[in-house]
């Protein structure tokens, strides 16, 4: 069954998220659409988060695919999006 999963990746700019997804086997279909084997990701800038005087941007990514396929993708993507030091 195909599912839709939305994630916000703060501290990861849009251009870097595209690069990560292409490193994981995706190809650019449109300016903000990346497709891989059994999955599709639509990207946009995340709304900025404000914590006191700190403002953090990032990427919002909407994934489509079979849950099992996305679980594997998320595990691999997790290691790329770990941001040491915040």
PDB file of N, CA and C in Angstrom:
ATOM      1  N   UNK A   1       0.843  -1.183   0.000  1.00  0.00           N
ATOM      2  CA  UNK A   1       0.000   0.000   0.000  1.00  0.00           C
ATOM      3  C   UNK A   1       0.890   1.249   0.000  1.00  0.00           C
ATOM      4  N   UNK A   2       0.617   2.151  -0.913  1.00  0.00           N
ATOM      5  CA  UNK A   2       1.389   3.397  -0.988  1.00  0.00           C
ATOM      6  C   UNK A   2       0.959   4.333   0.129  1.00  0.00           C
ATOM      7  N   UNK A   3       1.951   4.986   0.715  1.00  0.00           N
ATOM      8  CA  UNK A   3       1.693   5.920   1.801  1.00  0.00           C
ATOM      9  C   UNK A   3       2.305   7.273   1.458  1.00  0.00           C
ATOM     10  N   UNK A   4       1.889   8.277   2.217  1.00  0.00           N
ATOM     11  CA  UNK A   4       2.420   9.641   2.107  1.00  0.00           C
ATOM     12  C   UNK A   4       2.964  10.000   3.486  1.00  0.00           C
ATOM     13  N   UNK A   5       4.231  10.407   3.535  1.00  0.00           N
ATOM     14  CA  UNK A   5       4.867  10.762   4.799  1.00  0.00           C
ATOM     15  C   UNK A   5       5.554  12.108   4.623  1.00  0.00           C
ATOM     16  N   UNK A   6       5.276  13.036   5.544  1.00  0.00           N
ATOM     17  CA  UNK A   6       5.872  14.369   5.471  1.00  0.00           C
ATOM     18  C   UNK A   6       6.844  14.566   6.626  1.00  0.00           C
ATOM     19  N   UNK A   7       8.053  15.032   6.301  1.00  0.00           N
ATOM     20  CA  UNK A   7       9.082  15.280   7.309  1.00  0.00           C
ATOM     21  C   UNK A   7       9.656  16.674   7.111  1.00  0.00           C
ATOM     22  N   UNK A   8       9.965  17.341   8.219  1.00  0.00           N
ATOM     23  CA  UNK A   8      10.707  18.600   8.188  1.00  0.00           C
ATOM     24  C   UNK A   8      12.130  18.294   8.614  1.00  0.00           C
ATOM     25  N   UNK A   9      13.084  18.787   7.850  1.00  0.00           N
ATOM     26  CA  UNK A   9      14.504  18.604   8.155  1.00  0.00           C
ATOM     27  C   UNK A   9      15.105  19.983   8.386  1.00  0.00           C
ATOM     28  N   UNK A  10      15.099  20.426   9.645  1.00  0.00           N
ATOM     29  CA  UNK A  10      15.645  21.744   9.968  1.00  0.00           C
ATOM     30  C   UNK A  10      17.160  21.678   9.996  1.00  0.00           C
ATOM     31  N   UNK A  11      17.787  22.706   9.473  1.00  0.00           N
ATOM     32  CA  UNK A  11      19.236  22.750   9.380  1.00  0.00           C
ATOM     33  C   UNK A  11      19.768  22.103   8.106  1.00  0.00           C
ATOM     34  N   UNK A  12      18.877  21.565   7.282  1.00  0.00           N
ATOM     35  CA  UNK A  12      19.269  20.963   6.004  1.00  0.00           C
ATOM     36  C   UNK A  12      18.612  21.799   4.899  1.00  0.00           C
ATOM     37  N   UNK A  13      19.405  22.621   4.200  1.00  0.00           N
ATOM     38  CA  UNK A  13      18.818  23.443   3.144  1.00  0.00           C
ATOM     39  C   UNK A  13      18.283  22.593   1.986  1.00  0.00           C
ATOM     40  N   UNK A  14      17.392  23.175   1.234  1.00  0.00           N
ATOM     41  CA  UNK A  14      16.728  22.487   0.131  1.00  0.00           C
ATOM     42  C   UNK A  14      17.739  21.872  -0.838  1.00  0.00           C
ATOM     43  N   UNK A  15      18.748  22.632  -1.232  1.00  0.00           N
ATOM     44  CA  UNK A  15      19.731  22.119  -2.201  1.00  0.00           C
ATOM     45  C   UNK A  15      20.466  20.903  -1.662  1.00  0.00           C
ATOM     46  N   UNK A  16      20.731  20.876  -0.345  1.00  0.00           N
ATOM     47  CA  UNK A  16      21.438  19.756   0.249  1.00  0.00           C
ATOM     48  C   UNK A  16      20.536  18.524   0.345  1.00  0.00           C
ATOM     49  N   UNK A  17      19.254  18.729   0.658  1.00  0.00           N
ATOM     50  CA  UNK A  17      18.315  17.601   0.695  1.00  0.00           C
ATOM     51  C   UNK A  17      18.221  16.952  -0.685  1.00  0.00           C
ATOM     52  N   UNK A  18      18.177  17.772  -1.739  1.00  0.00           N
ATOM     53  CA  UNK A  18      18.155  17.215  -3.100  1.00  0.00           C
ATOM     54  C   UNK A  18      19.397  16.374  -3.346  1.00  0.00           C
ATOM     55  N   UNK A  19      20.547  16.889  -2.939  1.00  0.00           N
ATOM     56  CA  UNK A  19      21.800  16.161  -3.128  1.00  0.00           C
ATOM     57  C   UNK A  19      21.782  14.837  -2.374  1.00  0.00           C
ATOM     58  N   UNK A  20      21.326  14.864  -1.122  1.00  0.00           N
ATOM     59  CA  UNK A  20      21.235  13.632  -0.336  1.00  0.00           C
ATOM     60  C   UNK A  20      20.362  12.593  -1.033  1.00  0.00           C
ATOM     61  N   UNK A  21      19.187  13.022  -1.494  1.00  0.00           N
ATOM     62  CA  UNK A  21      18.258  12.084  -2.127  1.00  0.00           C
ATOM     63  C   UNK A  21      18.836  11.519  -3.422  1.00  0.00           C
ATOM     64  N   UNK A  22      19.594  12.329  -4.157  1.00  0.00           N
ATOM     65  CA  UNK A  22      20.212  11.822  -5.380  1.00  0.00           C
ATOM     66  C   UNK A  22      21.353  10.858  -5.044  1.00  0.00           C
ATOM     67  N   UNK A  23      22.060  11.093  -3.949  1.00  0.00           N
ATOM     68  CA  UNK A  23      23.094  10.159  -3.505  1.00  0.00           C
ATOM     69  C   UNK A  23      22.484   8.813  -3.104  1.00  0.00           C
ATOM     70  N   UNK A  24      21.213   8.830  -2.722  1.00  0.00           N
ATOM     71  CA  UNK A  24      20.521   7.604  -2.315  1.00  0.00           C
ATOM     72  C   UNK A  24      19.778   6.950  -3.477  1.00  0.00           C
ATOM     73  N   UNK A  25      20.137   7.326  -4.698  1.00  0.00           N
ATOM     74  CA  UNK A  25      19.575   6.668  -5.872  1.00  0.00           C
ATOM     75  C   UNK A  25      18.476   7.430  -6.578  1.00  0.00           C
ATOM     76  N   UNK A  26      18.165   8.632  -6.124  1.00  0.00           N
ATOM     77  CA  UNK A  26      17.120   9.411  -6.771  1.00  0.00           C
ATOM     78  C   UNK A  26      17.627  10.147  -8.000  1.00  0.00           C
ATOM     79  N   UNK A  27      16.681  10.582  -8.825  1.00  0.00           N
ATOM     80  CA  UNK A  27      16.994  11.412  -9.981  1.00  0.00           C
ATOM     81  C   UNK A  27      16.010  12.566 -10.008  1.00  0.00           C
ATOM     82  N   UNK A  28      16.486  13.713 -10.442  1.00  0.00           N
ATOM     83  CA  UNK A  28      15.647  14.911 -10.465  1.00  0.00           C
ATOM     84  C   UNK A  28      14.658  14.819 -11.623  1.00  0.00           C
ATOM     85  N   UNK A  29      13.370  14.887 -11.297  1.00  0.00           N
ATOM     86  CA  UNK A  29      12.305  14.827 -12.285  1.00  0.00           C
ATOM     87  C   UNK A  29      11.843  16.234 -12.629  1.00  0.00           C
ATOM     88  N   UNK A  30      11.816  17.076 -11.624  1.00  0.00           N
ATOM     89  CA  UNK A  30      11.395  18.464 -11.733  1.00  0.00           C
ATOM     90  C   UNK A  30      12.273  19.239 -10.753  1.00  0.00           C
ATOM     91  N   UNK A  31      12.153  20.539 -10.734  1.00  0.00           N
ATOM     92  CA  UNK A  31      13.013  21.347  -9.866  1.00  0.00           C
ATOM     93  C   UNK A  31      12.972  20.884  -8.417  1.00  0.00           C
ATOM     94  N   UNK A  32      11.795  20.521  -7.934  1.00  0.00           N
ATOM     95  CA  UNK A  32      11.657  20.117  -6.535  1.00  0.00           C
ATOM     96  C   UNK A  32      11.031  18.736  -6.384  1.00  0.00           C
ATOM     97  N   UNK A  33      11.271  17.855  -7.351  1.00  0.00           N
ATOM     98  CA  UNK A  33      10.765  16.481  -7.289  1.00  0.00           C
ATOM     99  C   UNK A  33      11.916  15.531  -7.617  1.00  0.00           C
ATOM    100  N   UNK A  34      12.145  14.588  -6.702  1.00  0.00           N
ATOM    101  CA  UNK A  34      13.174  13.571  -6.870  1.00  0.00           C
ATOM    102  C   UNK A  34      12.479  12.208  -6.814  1.00  0.00           C
ATOM    103  N   UNK A  35      12.825  11.321  -7.749  1.00  0.00           N
ATOM    104  CA  UNK A  35      12.256   9.973  -7.757  1.00  0.00           C
ATOM    105  C   UNK A  35      13.359   8.944  -7.678  1.00  0.00           C
ATOM    106  N   UNK A  36      13.096   7.907  -6.900  1.00  0.00           N
ATOM    107  CA  UNK A  36      14.013   6.782  -6.799  1.00  0.00           C
ATOM    108  C   UNK A  36      13.254   5.496  -7.060  1.00  0.00           C
ATOM    109  N   UNK A  37      13.915   4.387  -6.865  1.00  0.00           N
ATOM    110  CA  UNK A  37      13.309   3.085  -7.081  1.00  0.00           C
ATOM    111  C   UNK A  37      12.210   2.847  -6.044  1.00  0.00           C
ATOM    112  N   UNK A  38      10.957   3.026  -6.445  1.00  0.00           N
ATOM    113  CA  UNK A  38       9.821   2.775  -5.558  1.00  0.00           C
ATOM    114  C   UNK A  38       9.435   3.931  -4.655  1.00  0.00           C
ATOM    115  N   UNK A  39      10.047   5.106  -4.833  1.00  0.00           N
ATOM    116  CA  UNK A  39       9.685   6.254  -3.991  1.00  0.00           C
ATOM    117  C   UNK A  39       9.755   7.551  -4.792  1.00  0.00           C
ATOM    118  N   UNK A  40       9.081   8.543  -4.259  1.00  0.00           N
ATOM    119  CA  UNK A  40       9.056   9.882  -4.849  1.00  0.00           C
ATOM    120  C   UNK A  40       9.102  10.887  -3.699  1.00  0.00           C
ATOM    121  N   UNK A  41       9.835  11.980  -3.889  1.00  0.00           N
ATOM    122  CA  UNK A  41       9.934  13.010  -2.856  1.00  0.00           C
ATOM    123  C   UNK A  41       9.667  14.368  -3.479  1.00  0.00           C
ATOM    124  N   UNK A  42       8.778  15.123  -2.852  1.00  0.00           N
ATOM    125  CA  UNK A  42       8.489  16.495  -3.261  1.00  0.00           C
ATOM    126  C   UNK A  42       9.026  17.404  -2.171  1.00  0.00           C
ATOM    127  N   UNK A  43       9.826  18.400  -2.574  1.00  0.00           N
ATOM    128  CA  UNK A  43      10.518  19.248  -1.612  1.00  0.00           C
ATOM    129  C   UNK A  43      10.066  20.694  -1.699  1.00  0.00           C
ATOM    130  N   UNK A  44      10.130  21.346  -0.546  1.00  0.00           N
ATOM    131  CA  UNK A  44       9.895  22.791  -0.476  1.00  0.00           C
ATOM    132  C   UNK A  44      10.627  23.316   0.755  1.00  0.00           C
ATOM    133  N   UNK A  45      10.841  24.620   0.783  1.00  0.00           N
ATOM    134  CA  UNK A  45      11.468  25.210   1.965  1.00  0.00           C
ATOM    135  C   UNK A  45      10.533  25.050   3.156  1.00  0.00           C
ATOM    136  N   UNK A  46      11.103  24.680   4.288  1.00  0.00           N
ATOM    137  CA  UNK A  46      10.327  24.579   5.528  1.00  0.00           C
ATOM    138  C   UNK A  46      10.100  25.980   6.086  1.00  0.00           C
ATOM    139  N   UNK A  47       9.006  26.148   6.788  1.00  0.00           N
ATOM    140  CA  UNK A  47       8.788  27.415   7.478  1.00  0.00           C
ATOM    141  C   UNK A  47       9.883  27.565   8.528  1.00  0.00           C
ATOM    142  N   UNK A  48      10.384  28.766   8.660  1.00  0.00           N
ATOM    143  CA  UNK A  48      11.474  29.008   9.618  1.00  0.00           C
ATOM    144  C   UNK A  48      10.969  28.790  11.041  1.00  0.00           C
ATOM    145  N   UNK A  49      11.825  28.218  11.869  1.00  0.00           N
ATOM    146  CA  UNK A  49      11.529  28.031  13.288  1.00  0.00           C
ATOM    147  C   UNK A  49      12.300  29.073  14.057  1.00  0.00           C
ATOM    148  N   UNK A  50      11.657  29.643  15.057  1.00  0.00           N
ATOM    149  CA  UNK A  50      12.284  30.662  15.888  1.00  0.00           C
ATOM    150  C   UNK A  50      12.360  30.160  17.326  1.00  0.00           C
ATOM    151  N   UNK A  51      13.573  30.164  17.844  1.00  0.00           N
ATOM    152  CA  UNK A  51      13.811  29.785  19.234  1.00  0.00           C
ATOM    153  C   UNK A  51      14.577  30.953  19.839  1.00  0.00           C
ATOM    154  N   UNK A  52      13.866  31.786  20.559  1.00  0.00           N
ATOM    155  CA  UNK A  52      14.476  33.020  21.048  1.00  0.00           C
ATOM    156  C   UNK A  52      14.900  33.862  19.862  1.00  0.00           C
ATOM    157  N   UNK A  53      16.142  34.274  19.821  1.00  0.00           N
ATOM    158  CA  UNK A  53      16.625  35.087  18.704  1.00  0.00           C
ATOM    159  C   UNK A  53      17.165  34.223  17.566  1.00  0.00           C
ATOM    160  N   UNK A  54      17.207  32.909  17.742  1.00  0.00           N
ATOM    161  CA  UNK A  54      17.707  31.997  16.717  1.00  0.00           C
ATOM    162  C   UNK A  54      16.603  31.672  15.719  1.00  0.00           C
ATOM    163  N   UNK A  55      16.934  31.725  14.453  1.00  0.00           N
ATOM    164  CA  UNK A  55      15.998  31.377  13.385  1.00  0.00           C
ATOM    165  C   UNK A  55      16.633  30.281  12.528  1.00  0.00           C
ATOM    166  N   UNK A  56      15.919  29.166  12.346  1.00  0.00           N
ATOM    167  CA  UNK A  56      16.464  28.020  11.625  1.00  0.00           C
ATOM    168  C   UNK A  56      15.546  27.658  10.467  1.00  0.00           C
ATOM    169  N   UNK A  57      16.122  27.499   9.289  1.00  0.00           N
ATOM    170  CA  UNK A  57      15.373  27.063   8.108  1.00  0.00           C
ATOM    171  C   UNK A  57      15.671  25.607   7.817  1.00  0.00           C
ATOM    172  N   UNK A  58      15.121  25.137   6.742  1.00  0.00           N
ATOM    173  CA  UNK A  58      15.359  23.752   6.355  1.00  0.00           C
ATOM    174  C   UNK A  58      14.492  23.366   5.188  1.00  0.00           C
ATOM    175  N   UNK A  59      14.297  22.064   5.034  1.00  0.00           N
ATOM    176  CA  UNK A  59      13.512  21.518   3.925  1.00  0.00           C
ATOM    177  C   UNK A  59      12.355  20.690   4.469  1.00  0.00           C
ATOM    178  N   UNK A  60      11.190  20.873   3.856  1.00  0.00           N
ATOM    179  CA  UNK A  60      10.057  19.991   4.104  1.00  0.00           C
ATOM    180  C   UNK A  60      10.008  19.035   2.926  1.00  0.00           C
ATOM    181  N   UNK A  61       9.940  17.755   3.221  1.00  0.00           N
ATOM    182  CA  UNK A  61       9.944  16.747   2.170  1.00  0.00           C
ATOM    183  C   UNK A  61       8.740  15.842   2.354  1.00  0.00           C
ATOM    184  N   UNK A  62       7.982  15.668   1.275  1.00  0.00           N
ATOM    185  CA  UNK A  62       6.826  14.780   1.283  1.00  0.00           C
ATOM    186  C   UNK A  62       7.204  13.555   0.455  1.00  0.00           C
ATOM    187  N   UNK A  63       7.195  12.402   1.114  1.00  0.00           N
ATOM    188  CA  UNK A  63       7.589  11.151   0.481  1.00  0.00           C
ATOM    189  C   UNK A  63       6.352  10.341   0.124  1.00  0.00           C
ATOM    190  N   UNK A  64       6.422   9.647  -1.005  1.00  0.00           N
ATOM    191  CA  UNK A  64       5.368   8.745  -1.456  1.00  0.00           C
ATOM    192  C   UNK A  64       6.017   7.413  -1.815  1.00  0.00           C
ATOM    193  N   UNK A  65       5.397   6.313  -1.407  1.00  0.00           N
ATOM    194  CA  UNK A  65       5.915   4.991  -1.749  1.00  0.00           C
ATOM    195  C   UNK A  65       5.362   3.950  -0.800  1.00  0.00           C
ATOM    196  N   UNK A  66       5.821   2.725  -0.991  1.00  0.00           N
ATOM    197  CA  UNK A  66       5.449   1.642  -0.083  1.00  0.00           C
ATOM    198  C   UNK A  66       6.148   1.885   1.253  1.00  0.00           C
ATOM    199  N   UNK A  67       5.476   1.596   2.351  1.00  0.00           N
ATOM    200  CA  UNK A  67       6.042   1.853   3.673  1.00  0.00           C
ATOM    201  C   UNK A  67       7.398   1.168   3.850  1.00  0.00           C
ATOM    202  N   UNK A  68       7.525  -0.073   3.400  1.00  0.00           N
ATOM    203  CA  UNK A  68       8.783  -0.806   3.566  1.00  0.00           C
ATOM    204  C   UNK A  68       9.917  -0.116   2.805  1.00  0.00           C
ATOM    205  N   UNK A  69       9.627   0.357   1.599  1.00  0.00           N
ATOM    206  CA  UNK A  69      10.632   1.052   0.788  1.00  0.00           C
ATOM    207  C   UNK A  69      11.039   2.353   1.459  1.00  0.00           C
ATOM    208  N   UNK A  70      10.056   3.092   1.970  1.00  0.00           N
ATOM    209  CA  UNK A  70      10.359   4.354   2.634  1.00  0.00           C
ATOM    210  C   UNK A  70      11.141   4.129   3.925  1.00  0.00           C
ATOM    211  N   UNK A  71      10.835   3.066   4.654  1.00  0.00           N
ATOM    212  CA  UNK A  71      11.569   2.774   5.893  1.00  0.00           C
ATOM    213  C   UNK A  71      13.062   2.603   5.610  1.00  0.00           C
ATOM    214  N   UNK A  72      13.395   1.898   4.536  1.00  0.00           N
ATOM    215  CA  UNK A  72      14.797   1.707   4.160  1.00  0.00           C
ATOM    216  C   UNK A  72      15.414   3.049   3.774  1.00  0.00           C
ATOM    217  N   UNK A  73      14.688   3.838   2.979  1.00  0.00           N
ATOM    218  CA  UNK A  73      15.173   5.160   2.571  1.00  0.00           C
ATOM    219  C   UNK A  73      15.391   6.053   3.787  1.00  0.00           C
ATOM    220  N   UNK A  74      14.436   6.078   4.722  1.00  0.00           N
ATOM    221  CA  UNK A  74      14.548   6.928   5.914  1.00  0.00           C
ATOM    222  C   UNK A  74      15.755   6.543   6.765  1.00  0.00           C
ATOM    223  N   UNK A  75      16.025   5.248   6.880  1.00  0.00           N
ATOM    224  CA  UNK A  75      17.175   4.814   7.673  1.00  0.00           C
ATOM    225  C   UNK A  75      18.477   5.318   7.036  1.00  0.00           C
ATOM    226  N   UNK A  76      18.584   5.239   5.727  1.00  0.00           N
ATOM    227  CA  UNK A  76      19.788   5.707   5.035  1.00  0.00           C
ATOM    228  C   UNK A  76      19.874   7.234   5.069  1.00  0.00           C
ATOM    229  N   UNK A  77      18.727   7.905   4.916  1.00  0.00           N
ATOM    230  CA  UNK A  77      18.699   9.366   4.924  1.00  0.00           C
ATOM    231  C   UNK A  77      19.018   9.914   6.311  1.00  0.00           C
ATOM    232  N   UNK A  78      18.588   9.203   7.330  1.00  0.00           N
ATOM    233  CA  UNK A  78      18.843   9.627   8.716  1.00  0.00           C
ATOM    234  C   UNK A  78      20.325   9.890   8.951  1.00  0.00           C
ATOM    235  N   UNK A  79      21.176   9.004   8.459  1.00  0.00           N
ATOM    236  CA  UNK A  79      22.619   9.157   8.677  1.00  0.00           C
ATOM    237  C   UNK A  79      23.177  10.371   7.956  1.00  0.00           C
ATOM    238  N   UNK A  80      22.558  10.753   6.856  1.00  0.00           N
ATOM    239  CA  UNK A  80      23.014  11.938   6.121  1.00  0.00           C
ATOM    240  C   UNK A  80      22.556  13.228   6.775  1.00  0.00           C
ATOM    241  N   UNK A  81      21.412  13.193   7.450  1.00  0.00           N
ATOM    242  CA  UNK A  81      20.840  14.429   8.003  1.00  0.00           C
ATOM    243  C   UNK A  81      21.213  14.674   9.456  1.00  0.00           C
ATOM    244  N   UNK A  82      22.003  13.792  10.061  1.00  0.00           N
ATOM    245  CA  UNK A  82      22.472  14.061  11.420  1.00  0.00           C
ATOM    246  C   UNK A  82      23.341  15.313  11.376  1.00  0.00           C
ATOM    247  N   UNK A  83      23.053  16.254  12.225  1.00  0.00           N
ATOM    248  CA  UNK A  83      23.750  17.540  12.194  1.00  0.00           C
ATOM    249  C   UNK A  83      24.515  17.712  13.496  1.00  0.00           C
ATOM    250  N   UNK A  84      25.775  17.332  13.503  1.00  0.00           N
ATOM    251  CA  UNK A  84      26.603  17.496  14.694  1.00  0.00           C
ATOM    252  C   UNK A  84      26.728  18.977  15.078  1.00  0.00           C
ATOM    253  N   UNK A  85      26.529  19.262  16.329  1.00  0.00           N
ATOM    254  CA  UNK A  85      26.677  20.637  16.806  1.00  0.00           C
ATOM    255  C   UNK A  85      25.455  21.500  16.595  1.00  0.00           C
ATOM    256  N   UNK A  86      24.377  20.930  16.035  1.00  0.00           N
ATOM    257  CA  UNK A  86      23.130  21.667  15.893  1.00  0.00           C
ATOM    258  C   UNK A  86      22.902  22.327  14.613  1.00  0.00           C
TER     259      UNK A  86
END
